[in-house]
Amino acid sequence: MDYMPFVQLLSEASASWQMPEREIVPGFSKRPGKYHQYECAALEEAFCMAQEFPGTEAQIWSDMAELITAMNAELRAVGAHELKIVDYRTFLALLDTGSEPFDA
């Protein structure tokens, strides 16, 4: 997985989305549009990898969640909104239904 686009997104978000007052639970409408695009791209990549390498779903989800968690720590440090993580059970359910690629 090429992490550079995500690193660039994190840099942009850190620089441009510092919030003076941060909500405890940020609303979707107040989050930058690129957040949704990143979340969808990460999930789509994880789905593709899980389909390509059956039996590795847990590791693929774990890697995706670890990356997003690390990015959230950086975003939290600058007062920016955090990215959403799909829980493992939902990830498997979406994978099992043969979910179509996300439109980002």
Protein backbone atom coordinates (compact mmCIF):
# COMPACT_ATOMS: atom_id res chain seq x y z
CA MET A 1 0.00 0.00 0.00
CA ASP A 2 1.39 3.42 -0.96
CA TYR A 3 1.13 5.55 2.19
CA MET A 4 2.50 8.76 0.67
CA PRO A 5 -0.91 10.17 -0.37
CA PHE A 6 -2.11 9.63 3.19
CA VAL A 7 0.98 11.25 4.66
CA GLN A 8 0.41 14.24 2.37
CA LEU A 9 -3.25 14.41 3.47
CA LEU A 10 -2.16 14.35 7.10
CA SER A 11 0.29 17.18 6.49
CA GLU A 12 -2.35 19.28 4.74
CA ALA A 13 -4.93 18.56 7.42
CA SER A 14 -2.52 19.40 10.21
CA ALA A 15 -1.57 22.68 8.59
CA SER A 16 -4.99 23.87 7.49
CA TRP A 17 -7.54 22.46 9.91
CA GLN A 18 -6.40 23.60 13.31
CA MET A 19 -9.59 24.29 15.21
CA PRO A 20 -9.69 26.82 18.07
CA GLU A 21 -12.59 24.94 19.69
CA ARG A 22 -12.78 21.23 19.07
CA GLU A 23 -15.98 19.25 19.55
CA ILE A 24 -15.84 16.10 21.67
CA VAL A 25 -17.54 14.17 18.85
CA PRO A 26 -16.96 16.03 15.60
CA GLY A 27 -19.94 16.16 13.24
CA PHE A 28 -19.56 14.82 9.73
CA SER A 29 -20.70 18.13 8.24
CA LYS A 30 -17.84 20.00 9.90
CA ARG A 31 -15.11 17.62 8.77
CA PRO A 32 -13.01 18.47 5.71
CA GLY A 33 -14.19 16.73 2.53
CA LYS A 34 -10.83 15.08 2.06
CA TYR A 35 -11.39 13.07 5.23
CA HIS A 36 -14.25 11.16 3.62
CA GLN A 37 -12.16 10.62 0.49
CA TYR A 38 -9.26 9.24 2.53
CA GLU A 39 -11.51 6.96 4.60
CA CYS A 40 -13.10 5.56 1.45
CA ALA A 41 -9.75 5.12 -0.31
CA ALA A 42 -8.27 3.31 2.70
CA LEU A 43 -11.30 1.03 2.96
CA GLU A 44 -11.37 0.32 -0.77
CA GLU A 45 -7.65 -0.54 -0.73
CA ALA A 46 -8.19 -2.85 2.24
CA PHE A 47 -11.09 -4.58 0.43
CA CYS A 48 -8.97 -5.09 -2.69
CA MET A 49 -6.09 -6.51 -0.67
CA ALA A 50 -8.41 -8.81 1.30
CA GLN A 51 -9.88 -10.16 -1.93
CA GLU A 52 -6.43 -10.62 -3.44
CA PHE A 53 -5.01 -12.35 -0.33
CA PRO A 54 -7.79 -14.45 1.26
CA GLY A 55 -7.15 -15.43 4.87
CA THR A 56 -5.30 -12.22 5.71
CA GLU A 57 -8.35 -10.07 6.43
CA ALA A 58 -7.53 -9.59 10.11
CA GLN A 59 -3.98 -8.41 9.38
CA ILE A 60 -5.13 -6.11 6.56
CA TRP A 61 -7.80 -4.51 8.76
CA SER A 62 -5.32 -4.22 11.63
CA ASP A 63 -2.77 -2.45 9.42
CA MET A 64 -5.42 -0.04 8.12
CA ALA A 65 -6.70 0.68 11.64
CA GLU A 66 -3.16 1.16 12.96
CA LEU A 67 -2.36 3.69 10.25
CA ILE A 68 -5.58 5.64 10.84
CA THR A 69 -5.05 5.54 14.62
CA ALA A 70 -1.54 6.96 14.21
CA MET A 71 -2.84 9.68 11.91
CA ASN A 72 -5.60 10.48 14.42
CA ALA A 73 -3.01 11.00 17.15
CA GLU A 74 -1.31 13.60 14.96
CA LEU A 75 -4.62 15.24 14.03
CA ARG A 76 -5.71 15.30 17.69
CA ALA A 77 -2.42 16.94 18.67
CA VAL A 78 -3.18 19.93 16.43
CA GLY A 79 -6.88 20.09 17.31
CA ALA A 80 -8.12 18.82 13.95
CA HIS A 81 -11.03 16.45 13.37
CA GLU A 82 -10.20 12.76 13.41
CA LEU A 83 -10.67 10.12 10.73
CA LYS A 84 -13.30 7.42 11.22
CA ILE A 85 -12.33 3.75 11.48
CA VAL A 86 -14.67 0.94 10.44
CA ASP A 87 -14.67 -1.76 13.12
CA TYR A 88 -13.47 -5.24 12.19
CA ARG A 89 -16.92 -6.85 12.31
CA THR A 90 -18.31 -4.24 9.90
CA PHE A 91 -15.26 -4.62 7.65
CA LEU A 92 -15.88 -8.38 7.40
CA ALA A 93 -19.61 -7.88 6.80
CA LEU A 94 -18.94 -5.44 3.97
CA LEU A 95 -16.31 -7.74 2.51
CA ASP A 96 -18.68 -10.72 2.68
CA THR A 97 -21.45 -8.87 0.84
CA GLY A 98 -19.13 -8.25 -2.09
CA SER A 99 -19.30 -4.53 -1.55
CA GLU A 100 -18.75 -2.35 -4.59
CA PRO A 101 -15.74 -0.01 -4.56
CA PHE A 102 -16.45 3.28 -2.82
CA ASP A 103 -17.00 6.46 -4.78
CA ALA A 104 -14.64 8.97 -3.23
